[in-house]
Amino acid sequence: MCIRDRVNGEYTPLIFLWDGWSGEQLATIPTAKYVASLDYSPDGTLLAAAVGGTVQIWDPQTLTLLGTLTTTAETVTGLALSPAGTWLASAASAGNLYVWSRLKSPPSCLQHAALSLHNC
């Protein structure tokens, strides 16, 4: 899969992978809950999906779930991968921003810091 491919979730329990040139649907990834937000790393090696109170990190080439990042009971409403794909920011429904690092490590090695945006 190359960088021109596109993804969408459309608030369904599915992630769709599309070829950006031909419009052909390449794959579908089922999830347990609806998908609120998606982001693709610039090099095409990571796909992040906001699914309920989690962020799922996928390998879009093999369709393998690499890890799941869990917030509190909040719903993840948005996310963004860094240009190098080494960290991720996720926004949650209660106004918290989570910053995650070491995305290519096993889930037990993932680090995060929660920043409250309530007083901004």
PDB file of N, CA and C in Angstrom:
ATOM      1  N   MET A   1       0.847  -1.164   0.000  1.00  0.00           N
ATOM      2  CA  MET A   1       0.000   0.000   0.000  1.00  0.00           C
ATOM      3  C   MET A   1       0.896   1.232   0.000  1.00  0.00           C
ATOM      4  N   CYS A   2       0.584   2.186  -0.806  1.00  0.00           N
ATOM      5  CA  CYS A   2       1.417   3.375  -0.864  1.00  0.00           C
ATOM      6  C   CYS A   2       0.691   4.576  -0.276  1.00  0.00           C
ATOM      7  N   ILE A   3       1.386   5.666  -0.191  1.00  0.00           N
ATOM      8  CA  ILE A   3       0.913   6.852   0.504  1.00  0.00           C
ATOM      9  C   ILE A   3      -0.357   7.450  -0.096  1.00  0.00           C
ATOM     10  N   ARG A   4      -0.621   7.168  -1.355  1.00  0.00           N
ATOM     11  CA  ARG A   4      -1.802   7.758  -1.984  1.00  0.00           C
ATOM     12  C   ARG A   4      -3.094   7.089  -1.528  1.00  0.00           C
ATOM     13  N   ASP A   5      -2.997   5.964  -0.839  1.00  0.00           N
ATOM     14  CA  ASP A   5      -4.198   5.283  -0.366  1.00  0.00           C
ATOM     15  C   ASP A   5      -4.882   6.127   0.700  1.00  0.00           C
ATOM     16  N   ARG A   6      -6.168   5.997   0.803  1.00  0.00           N
ATOM     17  CA  ARG A   6      -6.965   6.767   1.748  1.00  0.00           C
ATOM     18  C   ARG A   6      -7.730   5.817   2.656  1.00  0.00           C
ATOM     19  N   VAL A   7      -8.113   6.349   3.824  1.00  0.00           N
ATOM     20  CA  VAL A   7      -8.897   5.564   4.771  1.00  0.00           C
ATOM     21  C   VAL A   7     -10.098   6.396   5.198  1.00  0.00           C
ATOM     22  N   ASN A   8     -11.158   5.721   5.594  1.00  0.00           N
ATOM     23  CA  ASN A   8     -12.260   6.423   6.241  1.00  0.00           C
ATOM     24  C   ASN A   8     -12.970   5.482   7.183  1.00  0.00           C
ATOM     25  N   GLY A   9     -13.674   6.056   8.146  1.00  0.00           N
ATOM     26  CA  GLY A   9     -14.377   5.269   9.138  1.00  0.00           C
ATOM     27  C   GLY A   9     -15.863   5.558   9.138  1.00  0.00           C
ATOM     28  N   GLU A  10     -16.257   6.781   8.787  1.00  0.00           N
ATOM     29  CA  GLU A  10     -17.653   7.168   8.629  1.00  0.00           C
ATOM     30  C   GLU A  10     -18.522   6.852   9.844  1.00  0.00           C
ATOM     31  N   TYR A  11     -17.982   6.914  11.057  1.00  0.00           N
ATOM     32  CA  TYR A  11     -18.739   6.637  12.277  1.00  0.00           C
ATOM     33  C   TYR A  11     -19.457   5.283  12.212  1.00  0.00           C
ATOM     34  N   THR A  12     -18.770   4.303  11.683  1.00  0.00           N
ATOM     35  CA  THR A  12     -19.272   2.934  11.632  1.00  0.00           C
ATOM     36  C   THR A  12     -18.269   2.042  12.369  1.00  0.00           C
ATOM     37  N   PRO A  13     -18.610   0.801  12.671  1.00  0.00           N
ATOM     38  CA  PRO A  13     -17.631  -0.103  13.284  1.00  0.00           C
ATOM     39  C   PRO A  13     -16.719  -0.748  12.234  1.00  0.00           C
ATOM     40  N   LEU A  14     -16.363   0.017  11.214  1.00  0.00           N
ATOM     41  CA  LEU A  14     -15.511  -0.477  10.136  1.00  0.00           C
ATOM     42  C   LEU A  14     -14.511   0.599   9.726  1.00  0.00           C
ATOM     43  N   ILE A  15     -13.327   0.168   9.322  1.00  0.00           N
ATOM     44  CA  ILE A  15     -12.347   1.045   8.695  1.00  0.00           C
ATOM     45  C   ILE A  15     -12.217   0.595   7.252  1.00  0.00           C
ATOM     46  N   PHE A  16     -12.341   1.524   6.325  1.00  0.00           N
ATOM     47  CA  PHE A  16     -12.229   1.214   4.909  1.00  0.00           C
ATOM     48  C   PHE A  16     -10.908   1.752   4.381  1.00  0.00           C
ATOM     49  N   LEU A  17     -10.175   0.936   3.636  1.00  0.00           N
ATOM     50  CA  LEU A  17      -8.942   1.358   2.967  1.00  0.00           C
ATOM     51  C   LEU A  17      -9.218   1.431   1.471  1.00  0.00           C
ATOM     52  N   TRP A  18      -8.867   2.565   0.870  1.00  0.00           N
ATOM     53  CA  TRP A  18      -9.151   2.815  -0.539  1.00  0.00           C
ATOM     54  C   TRP A  18      -7.880   3.158  -1.287  1.00  0.00           C
ATOM     55  N   ASP A  19      -7.826   2.839  -2.553  1.00  0.00           N
ATOM     56  CA  ASP A  19      -6.760   3.308  -3.418  1.00  0.00           C
ATOM     57  C   ASP A  19      -7.145   4.708  -3.879  1.00  0.00           C
ATOM     58  N   GLY A  20      -6.297   5.672  -3.566  1.00  0.00           N
ATOM     59  CA  GLY A  20      -6.607   7.062  -3.866  1.00  0.00           C
ATOM     60  C   GLY A  20      -6.634   7.405  -5.342  1.00  0.00           C
ATOM     61  N   TRP A  21      -5.995   6.599  -6.167  1.00  0.00           N
ATOM     62  CA  TRP A  21      -5.972   6.865  -7.609  1.00  0.00           C
ATOM     63  C   TRP A  21      -7.166   6.236  -8.314  1.00  0.00           C
ATOM     64  N   SER A  22      -7.428   4.977  -8.039  1.00  0.00           N
ATOM     65  CA  SER A  22      -8.478   4.276  -8.778  1.00  0.00           C
ATOM     66  C   SER A  22      -9.847   4.352  -8.102  1.00  0.00           C
ATOM     67  N   GLY A  23      -9.860   4.646  -6.783  1.00  0.00           N
ATOM     68  CA  GLY A  23     -11.114   4.637  -6.048  1.00  0.00           C
ATOM     69  C   GLY A  23     -11.535   3.244  -5.614  1.00  0.00           C
ATOM     70  N   GLU A  24     -10.690   2.257  -5.879  1.00  0.00           N
ATOM     71  CA  GLU A  24     -10.988   0.867  -5.521  1.00  0.00           C
ATOM     72  C   GLU A  24     -10.863   0.666  -4.013  1.00  0.00           C
ATOM     73  N   GLN A  25     -11.846  -0.019  -3.419  1.00  0.00           N
ATOM     74  CA  GLN A  25     -11.755  -0.373  -2.011  1.00  0.00           C
ATOM     75  C   GLN A  25     -10.782  -1.535  -1.869  1.00  0.00           C
ATOM     76  N   LEU A  26      -9.740  -1.357  -1.046  1.00  0.00           N
ATOM     77  CA  LEU A  26      -8.693  -2.362  -0.906  1.00  0.00           C
ATOM     78  C   LEU A  26      -8.955  -3.335   0.234  1.00  0.00           C
ATOM     79  N   ALA A  27      -9.520  -2.843   1.335  1.00  0.00           N
ATOM     80  CA  ALA A  27      -9.729  -3.703   2.494  1.00  0.00           C
ATOM     81  C   ALA A  27     -10.730  -3.054   3.435  1.00  0.00           C
ATOM     82  N   THR A  28     -11.265  -3.871   4.326  1.00  0.00           N
ATOM     83  CA  THR A  28     -12.141  -3.409   5.392  1.00  0.00           C
ATOM     84  C   THR A  28     -11.640  -4.026   6.690  1.00  0.00           C
ATOM     85  N   ILE A  29     -11.505  -3.196   7.728  1.00  0.00           N
ATOM     86  CA  ILE A  29     -11.077  -3.682   9.038  1.00  0.00           C
ATOM     87  C   ILE A  29     -12.247  -3.497  10.000  1.00  0.00           C
ATOM     88  N   PRO A  30     -12.788  -4.580  10.576  1.00  0.00           N
ATOM     89  CA  PRO A  30     -13.876  -4.439  11.540  1.00  0.00           C
ATOM     90  C   PRO A  30     -13.345  -3.992  12.904  1.00  0.00           C
ATOM     91  N   THR A  31     -14.128  -3.169  13.587  1.00  0.00           N
ATOM     92  CA  THR A  31     -13.796  -2.726  14.946  1.00  0.00           C
ATOM     93  C   THR A  31     -14.994  -2.994  15.851  1.00  0.00           C
ATOM     94  N   ALA A  32     -14.776  -2.964  17.160  1.00  0.00           N
ATOM     95  CA  ALA A  32     -15.843  -3.279  18.107  1.00  0.00           C
ATOM     96  C   ALA A  32     -16.862  -2.151  18.240  1.00  0.00           C
ATOM     97  N   LYS A  33     -16.420  -0.899  18.044  1.00  0.00           N
ATOM     98  CA  LYS A  33     -17.302   0.262  18.157  1.00  0.00           C
ATOM     99  C   LYS A  33     -17.093   1.152  16.944  1.00  0.00           C
ATOM    100  N   TYR A  34     -17.884   2.222  16.870  1.00  0.00           N
ATOM    101  CA  TYR A  34     -17.754   3.131  15.733  1.00  0.00           C
ATOM    102  C   TYR A  34     -16.389   3.820  15.740  1.00  0.00           C
ATOM    103  N   VAL A  35     -15.967   4.238  14.584  1.00  0.00           N
ATOM    104  CA  VAL A  35     -14.672   4.892  14.401  1.00  0.00           C
ATOM    105  C   VAL A  35     -14.926   6.392  14.290  1.00  0.00           C
ATOM    106  N   ALA A  36     -14.394   7.162  15.247  1.00  0.00           N
ATOM    107  CA  ALA A  36     -14.633   8.606  15.275  1.00  0.00           C
ATOM    108  C   ALA A  36     -13.592   9.389  14.490  1.00  0.00           C
ATOM    109  N   SER A  37     -12.373   8.860  14.394  1.00  0.00           N
ATOM    110  CA  SER A  37     -11.308   9.595  13.717  1.00  0.00           C
ATOM    111  C   SER A  37     -10.240   8.614  13.256  1.00  0.00           C
ATOM    112  N   LEU A  38      -9.554   8.972  12.172  1.00  0.00           N
ATOM    113  CA  LEU A  38      -8.472   8.155  11.628  1.00  0.00           C
ATOM    114  C   LEU A  38      -7.297   9.046  11.238  1.00  0.00           C
ATOM    115  N   ASP A  39      -6.094   8.510  11.312  1.00  0.00           N
ATOM    116  CA  ASP A  39      -4.932   9.192  10.754  1.00  0.00           C
ATOM    117  C   ASP A  39      -3.931   8.154  10.291  1.00  0.00           C
ATOM    118  N   TYR A  40      -3.239   8.493   9.217  1.00  0.00           N
ATOM    119  CA  TYR A  40      -2.282   7.639   8.542  1.00  0.00           C
ATOM    120  C   TYR A  40      -0.912   8.277   8.708  1.00  0.00           C
ATOM    121  N   SER A  41       0.107   7.509   9.060  1.00  0.00           N
ATOM    122  CA  SER A  41       1.451   8.078   9.119  1.00  0.00           C
ATOM    123  C   SER A  41       1.901   8.413   7.697  1.00  0.00           C
ATOM    124  N   PRO A  42       2.714   9.472   7.530  1.00  0.00           N
ATOM    125  CA  PRO A  42       3.135   9.868   6.186  1.00  0.00           C
ATOM    126  C   PRO A  42       3.842   8.767   5.397  1.00  0.00           C
ATOM    127  N   ASP A  43       4.555   7.871   6.095  1.00  0.00           N
ATOM    128  CA  ASP A  43       5.249   6.803   5.370  1.00  0.00           C
ATOM    129  C   ASP A  43       4.356   5.593   5.109  1.00  0.00           C
ATOM    130  N   GLY A  44       3.104   5.641   5.560  1.00  0.00           N
ATOM    131  CA  GLY A  44       2.152   4.574   5.283  1.00  0.00           C
ATOM    132  C   GLY A  44       2.301   3.328   6.134  1.00  0.00           C
ATOM    133  N   THR A  45       3.116   3.380   7.196  1.00  0.00           N
ATOM    134  CA  THR A  45       3.352   2.180   8.001  1.00  0.00           C
ATOM    135  C   THR A  45       2.425   2.063   9.208  1.00  0.00           C
ATOM    136  N   LEU A  46       1.739   3.138   9.590  1.00  0.00           N
ATOM    137  CA  LEU A  46       0.842   3.108  10.738  1.00  0.00           C
ATOM    138  C   LEU A  46      -0.499   3.729  10.378  1.00  0.00           C
ATOM    139  N   LEU A  47      -1.550   3.150  10.927  1.00  0.00           N
ATOM    140  CA  LEU A  47      -2.888   3.692  10.832  1.00  0.00           C
ATOM    141  C   LEU A  47      -3.425   3.774  12.251  1.00  0.00           C
ATOM    142  N   ALA A  48      -3.827   4.957  12.676  1.00  0.00           N
ATOM    143  CA  ALA A  48      -4.399   5.134  14.009  1.00  0.00           C
ATOM    144  C   ALA A  48      -5.899   5.346  13.869  1.00  0.00           C
ATOM    145  N   ALA A  49      -6.679   4.672  14.722  1.00  0.00           N
ATOM    146  CA  ALA A  49      -8.133   4.759  14.676  1.00  0.00           C
ATOM    147  C   ALA A  49      -8.675   5.029  16.076  1.00  0.00           C
ATOM    148  N   ALA A  50      -9.506   6.058  16.208  1.00  0.00           N
ATOM    149  CA  ALA A  50     -10.182   6.355  17.472  1.00  0.00           C
ATOM    150  C   ALA A  50     -11.437   5.494  17.542  1.00  0.00           C
ATOM    151  N   VAL A  51     -11.432   4.524  18.446  1.00  0.00           N
ATOM    152  CA  VAL A  51     -12.534   3.563  18.574  1.00  0.00           C
ATOM    153  C   VAL A  51     -12.996   3.561  20.030  1.00  0.00           C
ATOM    154  N   GLY A  52     -14.132   4.226  20.307  1.00  0.00           N
ATOM    155  CA  GLY A  52     -14.615   4.323  21.678  1.00  0.00           C
ATOM    156  C   GLY A  52     -13.617   5.048  22.555  1.00  0.00           C
ATOM    157  N   GLY A  53     -13.224   4.448  23.666  1.00  0.00           N
ATOM    158  CA  GLY A  53     -12.241   5.030  24.582  1.00  0.00           C
ATOM    159  C   GLY A  53     -10.826   4.572  24.303  1.00  0.00           C
ATOM    160  N   THR A  54     -10.577   4.109  23.086  1.00  0.00           N
ATOM    161  CA  THR A  54      -9.248   3.600  22.745  1.00  0.00           C
ATOM    162  C   THR A  54      -8.748   4.208  21.445  1.00  0.00           C
ATOM    163  N   VAL A  55      -7.431   4.088  21.255  1.00  0.00           N
ATOM    164  CA  VAL A  55      -6.822   4.361  19.950  1.00  0.00           C
ATOM    165  C   VAL A  55      -6.181   3.053  19.518  1.00  0.00           C
ATOM    166  N   GLN A  56      -6.586   2.553  18.388  1.00  0.00           N
ATOM    167  CA  GLN A  56      -6.007   1.329  17.857  1.00  0.00           C
ATOM    168  C   GLN A  56      -4.934   1.698  16.845  1.00  0.00           C
ATOM    169  N   ILE A  57      -3.772   1.053  16.952  1.00  0.00           N
ATOM    170  CA  ILE A  57      -2.674   1.267  16.025  1.00  0.00           C
ATOM    171  C   ILE A  57      -2.597   0.035  15.128  1.00  0.00           C
ATOM    172  N   TRP A  58      -2.737   0.247  13.816  1.00  0.00           N
ATOM    173  CA  TRP A  58      -2.775  -0.838  12.840  1.00  0.00           C
ATOM    174  C   TRP A  58      -1.602  -0.739  11.879  1.00  0.00           C
ATOM    175  N   ASP A  59      -1.182  -1.885  11.362  1.00  0.00           N
ATOM    176  CA  ASP A  59      -0.290  -1.944  10.213  1.00  0.00           C
ATOM    177  C   ASP A  59      -1.206  -2.051   9.000  1.00  0.00           C
ATOM    178  N   PRO A  60      -1.317  -0.988   8.188  1.00  0.00           N
ATOM    179  CA  PRO A  60      -2.271  -1.029   7.080  1.00  0.00           C
ATOM    180  C   PRO A  60      -1.859  -1.961   5.944  1.00  0.00           C
ATOM    181  N   GLN A  61      -0.620  -2.375   5.931  1.00  0.00           N
ATOM    182  CA  GLN A  61      -0.169  -3.289   4.879  1.00  0.00           C
ATOM    183  C   GLN A  61      -0.603  -4.728   5.167  1.00  0.00           C
ATOM    184  N   THR A  62      -0.492  -5.138   6.447  1.00  0.00           N
ATOM    185  CA  THR A  62      -0.830  -6.514   6.816  1.00  0.00           C
ATOM    186  C   THR A  62      -2.200  -6.617   7.493  1.00  0.00           C
ATOM    187  N   LEU A  63      -2.817  -5.446   7.788  1.00  0.00           N
ATOM    188  CA  LEU A  63      -4.091  -5.369   8.509  1.00  0.00           C
ATOM    189  C   LEU A  63      -3.978  -5.976   9.905  1.00  0.00           C
ATOM    190  N   THR A  64      -2.796  -5.847  10.515  1.00  0.00           N
ATOM    191  CA  THR A  64      -2.521  -6.379  11.846  1.00  0.00           C
ATOM    192  C   THR A  64      -2.684  -5.284  12.888  1.00  0.00           C
ATOM    193  N   LEU A  65      -3.399  -5.589  13.972  1.00  0.00           N
ATOM    194  CA  LEU A  65      -3.513  -4.669  15.099  1.00  0.00           C
ATOM    195  C   LEU A  65      -2.208  -4.723  15.882  1.00  0.00           C
ATOM    196  N   LEU A  66      -1.472  -3.606  15.921  1.00  0.00           N
ATOM    197  CA  LEU A  66      -0.179  -3.560  16.594  1.00  0.00           C
ATOM    198  C   LEU A  66      -0.310  -3.264  18.083  1.00  0.00           C
ATOM    199  N   GLY A  67      -1.344  -2.546  18.459  1.00  0.00           N
ATOM    200  CA  GLY A  67      -1.530  -2.208  19.866  1.00  0.00           C
ATOM    201  C   GLY A  67      -2.776  -1.375  20.059  1.00  0.00           C
ATOM    202  N   THR A  68      -3.227  -1.313  21.308  1.00  0.00           N
ATOM    203  CA  THR A  68      -4.393  -0.518  21.669  1.00  0.00           C
ATOM    204  C   THR A  68      -4.013   0.397  22.817  1.00  0.00           C
ATOM    205  N   LEU A  69      -4.228   1.684  22.640  1.00  0.00           N
ATOM    206  CA  LEU A  69      -3.958   2.685  23.656  1.00  0.00           C
ATOM    207  C   LEU A  69      -5.275   3.002  24.337  1.00  0.00           C
ATOM    208  N   THR A  70      -5.330   2.890  25.644  1.00  0.00           N
ATOM    209  CA  THR A  70      -6.583   3.070  26.370  1.00  0.00           C
ATOM    210  C   THR A  70      -6.539   4.343  27.198  1.00  0.00           C
ATOM    211  N   THR A  71      -7.539   5.195  27.032  1.00  0.00           N
ATOM    212  CA  THR A  71      -7.673   6.381  27.869  1.00  0.00           C
ATOM    213  C   THR A  71      -8.456   5.956  29.104  1.00  0.00           C
ATOM    214  N   THR A  72      -9.122   6.886  29.730  1.00  0.00           N
ATOM    215  CA  THR A  72     -10.003   6.533  30.841  1.00  0.00           C
ATOM    216  C   THR A  72     -11.337   6.113  30.241  1.00  0.00           C
ATOM    217  N   ALA A  73     -12.428   6.469  30.862  1.00  0.00           N
ATOM    218  CA  ALA A  73     -13.744   6.116  30.328  1.00  0.00           C
ATOM    219  C   ALA A  73     -14.178   7.077  29.226  1.00  0.00           C
ATOM    220  N   GLU A  74     -13.311   8.009  28.854  1.00  0.00           N
ATOM    221  CA  GLU A  74     -13.649   9.008  27.844  1.00  0.00           C
ATOM    222  C   GLU A  74     -13.696   8.404  26.444  1.00  0.00           C
ATOM    223  N   THR A  75     -14.470   9.024  25.590  1.00  0.00           N
ATOM    224  CA  THR A  75     -14.493   8.651  24.187  1.00  0.00           C
ATOM    225  C   THR A  75     -13.429   9.466  23.454  1.00  0.00           C
ATOM    226  N   VAL A  76     -12.617   8.809  22.653  1.00  0.00           N
ATOM    227  CA  VAL A  76     -11.614   9.506  21.849  1.00  0.00           C
ATOM    228  C   VAL A  76     -12.325  10.111  20.647  1.00  0.00           C
ATOM    229  N   THR A  77     -12.183  11.431  20.490  1.00  0.00           N
ATOM    230  CA  THR A  77     -12.923  12.135  19.451  1.00  0.00           C
ATOM    231  C   THR A  77     -12.054  12.606  18.285  1.00  0.00           C
ATOM    232  N   GLY A  78     -10.747  12.639  18.476  1.00  0.00           N
ATOM    233  CA  GLY A  78      -9.866  13.078  17.403  1.00  0.00           C
ATOM    234  C   GLY A  78      -8.448  12.625  17.674  1.00  0.00           C
ATOM    235  N   LEU A  79      -7.647  12.549  16.632  1.00  0.00           N
ATOM    236  CA  LEU A  79      -6.251  12.149  16.807  1.00  0.00           C
ATOM    237  C   LEU A  79      -5.407  12.641  15.654  1.00  0.00           C
ATOM    238  N   ALA A  80      -4.090  12.688  15.903  1.00  0.00           N
ATOM    239  CA  ALA A  80      -3.138  13.106  14.875  1.00  0.00           C
ATOM    240  C   ALA A  80      -1.809  12.425  15.123  1.00  0.00           C
ATOM    241  N   LEU A  81      -1.271  11.794  14.100  1.00  0.00           N
ATOM    242  CA  LEU A  81       0.067  11.206  14.154  1.00  0.00           C
ATOM    243  C   LEU A  81       1.096  12.266  13.786  1.00  0.00           C
ATOM    244  N   SER A  82       2.261  12.197  14.411  1.00  0.00           N
ATOM    245  CA  SER A  82       3.345  13.115  14.065  1.00  0.00           C
ATOM    246  C   SER A  82       3.852  12.796  12.665  1.00  0.00           C
ATOM    247  N   PRO A  83       4.534  13.748  12.024  1.00  0.00           N
ATOM    248  CA  PRO A  83       5.054  13.505  10.675  1.00  0.00           C
ATOM    249  C   PRO A  83       5.967  12.277  10.585  1.00  0.00           C
ATOM    250  N   ALA A  84       6.722  11.984  11.647  1.00  0.00           N
ATOM    251  CA  ALA A  84       7.602  10.807  11.631  1.00  0.00           C
ATOM    252  C   ALA A  84       6.883   9.543  12.094  1.00  0.00           C
ATOM    253  N   GLY A  85       5.647   9.668  12.576  1.00  0.00           N
ATOM    254  CA  GLY A  85       4.907   8.513  13.063  1.00  0.00           C
ATOM    255  C   GLY A  85       5.413   7.989  14.389  1.00  0.00           C
ATOM    256  N   THR A  86       6.134   8.824  15.154  1.00  0.00           N
ATOM    257  CA  THR A  86       6.710   8.366  16.419  1.00  0.00           C
ATOM    258  C   THR A  86       5.884   8.757  17.635  1.00  0.00           C
ATOM    259  N   TRP A  87       4.967   9.677  17.497  1.00  0.00           N
ATOM    260  CA  TRP A  87       4.060  10.014  18.585  1.00  0.00           C
ATOM    261  C   TRP A  87       2.690  10.327  18.025  1.00  0.00           C
ATOM    262  N   LEU A  88       1.714  10.332  18.927  1.00  0.00           N
ATOM    263  CA  LEU A  88       0.335  10.540  18.537  1.00  0.00           C
ATOM    264  C   LEU A  88      -0.345  11.396  19.590  1.00  0.00           C
ATOM    265  N   ALA A  89      -1.157  12.316  19.173  1.00  0.00           N
ATOM    266  CA  ALA A  89      -1.986  13.103  20.086  1.00  0.00           C
ATOM    267  C   ALA A  89      -3.431  12.674  19.890  1.00  0.00           C
ATOM    268  N   SER A  90      -4.132  12.439  21.007  1.00  0.00           N
ATOM    269  CA  SER A  90      -5.548  12.083  20.916  1.00  0.00           C
ATOM    270  C   SER A  90      -6.351  12.991  21.842  1.00  0.00           C
ATOM    271  N   ALA A  91      -7.478  13.474  21.337  1.00  0.00           N
ATOM    272  CA  ALA A  91      -8.383  14.314  22.114  1.00  0.00           C
ATOM    273  C   ALA A  91      -9.544  13.456  22.595  1.00  0.00           C
ATOM    274  N   ALA A  92      -9.982  13.714  23.821  1.00  0.00           N
ATOM    275  CA  ALA A  92     -11.059  12.921  24.400  1.00  0.00           C
ATOM    276  C   ALA A  92     -12.249  13.808  24.757  1.00  0.00           C
ATOM    277  N   SER A  93     -13.403  13.183  24.898  1.00  0.00           N
ATOM    278  CA  SER A  93     -14.663  13.897  25.082  1.00  0.00           C
ATOM    279  C   SER A  93     -14.720  14.741  26.346  1.00  0.00           C
ATOM    280  N   ALA A  94     -13.978  14.414  27.381  1.00  0.00           N
ATOM    281  CA  ALA A  94     -13.991  15.185  28.626  1.00  0.00           C
ATOM    282  C   ALA A  94     -13.023  16.363  28.582  1.00  0.00           C
ATOM    283  N   GLY A  95     -12.399  16.608  27.433  1.00  0.00           N
ATOM    284  CA  GLY A  95     -11.514  17.749  27.290  1.00  0.00           C
ATOM    285  C   GLY A  95     -10.051  17.446  27.548  1.00  0.00           C
ATOM    286  N   ASN A  96      -9.686  16.183  27.636  1.00  0.00           N
ATOM    287  CA  ASN A  96      -8.281  15.827  27.855  1.00  0.00           C
ATOM    288  C   ASN A  96      -7.577  15.569  26.534  1.00  0.00           C
ATOM    289  N   LEU A  97      -6.306  15.927  26.512  1.00  0.00           N
ATOM    290  CA  LEU A  97      -5.441  15.649  25.370  1.00  0.00           C
ATOM    291  C   LEU A  97      -4.392  14.664  25.840  1.00  0.00           C
ATOM    292  N   TYR A  98      -4.283  13.535  25.145  1.00  0.00           N
ATOM    293  CA  TYR A  98      -3.297  12.505  25.479  1.00  0.00           C
ATOM    294  C   TYR A  98      -2.196  12.531  24.427  1.00  0.00           C
ATOM    295  N   VAL A  99      -0.960  12.479  24.883  1.00  0.00           N
ATOM    296  CA  VAL A  99       0.179  12.422  23.978  1.00  0.00           C
ATOM    297  C   VAL A  99       0.867  11.089  24.207  1.00  0.00           C
ATOM    298  N   TRP A 100       0.967  10.284  23.165  1.00  0.00           N
ATOM    299  CA  TRP A 100       1.504   8.930  23.248  1.00  0.00           C
ATOM    300  C   TRP A 100       2.822   8.870  22.487  1.00  0.00           C
ATOM    301  N   SER A 101       3.787   8.115  23.026  1.00  0.00           N
ATOM    302  CA  SER A 101       5.070   7.970  22.340  1.00  0.00           C
ATOM    303  C   SER A 101       5.406   6.499  22.163  1.00  0.00           C
ATOM    304  N   ARG A 102       6.467   6.228  21.432  1.00  0.00           N
ATOM    305  CA  ARG A 102       6.950   4.870  21.160  1.00  0.00           C
ATOM    306  C   ARG A 102       5.848   3.987  20.593  1.00  0.00           C
ATOM    307  N   LEU A 103       5.237   4.423  19.526  1.00  0.00           N
ATOM    308  CA  LEU A 103       4.087   3.719  18.961  1.00  0.00           C
ATOM    309  C   LEU A 103       4.432   2.367  18.372  1.00  0.00           C
ATOM    310  N   LYS A 104       5.674   2.154  17.980  1.00  0.00           N
ATOM    311  CA  LYS A 104       6.029   0.875  17.364  1.00  0.00           C
ATOM    312  C   LYS A 104       6.526  -0.141  18.380  1.00  0.00           C
ATOM    313  N   SER A 105       6.479   0.213  19.671  1.00  0.00           N
ATOM    314  CA  SER A 105       6.845  -0.721  20.740  1.00  0.00           C
ATOM    315  C   SER A 105       5.625  -1.561  21.099  1.00  0.00           C
ATOM    316  N   PRO A 106       5.809  -2.640  21.826  1.00  0.00           N
ATOM    317  CA  PRO A 106       4.636  -3.372  22.311  1.00  0.00           C
ATOM    318  C   PRO A 106       3.792  -2.470  23.209  1.00  0.00           C
ATOM    319  N   PRO A 107       2.484  -2.711  23.297  1.00  0.00           N
ATOM    320  CA  PRO A 107       1.609  -1.843  24.093  1.00  0.00           C
ATOM    321  C   PRO A 107       2.082  -1.617  25.518  1.00  0.00           C
ATOM    322  N   SER A 108       2.754  -2.573  26.127  1.00  0.00           N
ATOM    323  CA  SER A 108       3.203  -2.402  27.515  1.00  0.00           C
ATOM    324  C   SER A 108       4.269  -1.323  27.633  1.00  0.00           C
ATOM    325  N   CYS A 109       4.904  -0.940  26.524  1.00  0.00           N
ATOM    326  CA  CYS A 109       5.956   0.068  26.548  1.00  0.00           C
ATOM    327  C   CYS A 109       5.444   1.459  26.197  1.00  0.00           C
ATOM    328  N   LEU A 110       4.195   1.588  25.872  1.00  0.00           N
ATOM    329  CA  LEU A 110       3.679   2.887  25.458  1.00  0.00           C
ATOM    330  C   LEU A 110       3.569   3.821  26.650  1.00  0.00           C
ATOM    331  N   GLN A 111       3.913   5.072  26.429  1.00  0.00           N
ATOM    332  CA  GLN A 111       3.863   6.101  27.456  1.00  0.00           C
ATOM    333  C   GLN A 111       2.828   7.142  27.044  1.00  0.00           C
ATOM    334  N   HIS A 112       2.215   7.777  28.035  1.00  0.00           N
ATOM    335  CA  HIS A 112       1.312   8.869  27.703  1.00  0.00           C
ATOM    336  C   HIS A 112       1.300   9.901  28.826  1.00  0.00           C
ATOM    337  N   ALA A 113       0.866  11.072  28.471  1.00  0.00           N
ATOM    338  CA  ALA A 113       0.668  12.152  29.442  1.00  0.00           C
ATOM    339  C   ALA A 113      -0.667  12.785  29.122  1.00  0.00           C
ATOM    340  N   ALA A 114      -1.495  12.993  30.128  1.00  0.00           N
ATOM    341  CA  ALA A 114      -2.797  13.608  29.912  1.00  0.00           C
ATOM    342  C   ALA A 114      -2.722  15.070  30.301  1.00  0.00           C
ATOM    343  N   LEU A 115      -3.197  15.930  29.421  1.00  0.00           N
ATOM    344  CA  LEU A 115      -3.240  17.377  29.667  1.00  0.00           C
ATOM    345  C   LEU A 115      -4.678  17.817  29.678  1.00  0.00           C
ATOM    346  N   SER A 116      -5.117  18.432  30.755  1.00  0.00           N
ATOM    347  CA  SER A 116      -6.495  18.884  30.851  1.00  0.00           C
ATOM    348  C   SER A 116      -6.649  20.220  30.138  1.00  0.00           C
ATOM    349  N   LEU A 117      -7.666  20.337  29.319  1.00  0.00           N
ATOM    350  CA  LEU A 117      -7.933  21.578  28.592  1.00  0.00           C
ATOM    351  C   LEU A 117      -9.137  22.332  29.146  1.00  0.00           C
ATOM    352  N   HIS A 118      -9.595  21.935  30.335  1.00  0.00           N
ATOM    353  CA  HIS A 118     -10.802  22.530  30.889  1.00  0.00           C
ATOM    354  C   HIS A 118     -10.660  24.014  31.219  1.00  0.00           C
ATOM    355  N   ASN A 119      -9.472  24.463  31.580  1.00  0.00           N
ATOM    356  CA  ASN A 119      -9.282  25.842  32.021  1.00  0.00           C
ATOM    357  C   ASN A 119      -8.778  26.765  30.931  1.00  0.00           C
ATOM    358  N   CYS A 120      -8.809  26.335  29.706  1.00  0.00           N
ATOM    359  CA  CYS A 120      -8.293  27.172  28.608  1.00  0.00           C
ATOM    360  C   CYS A 120      -9.313  28.199  28.182  1.00  0.00           C
TER     361      CYS A 120
END
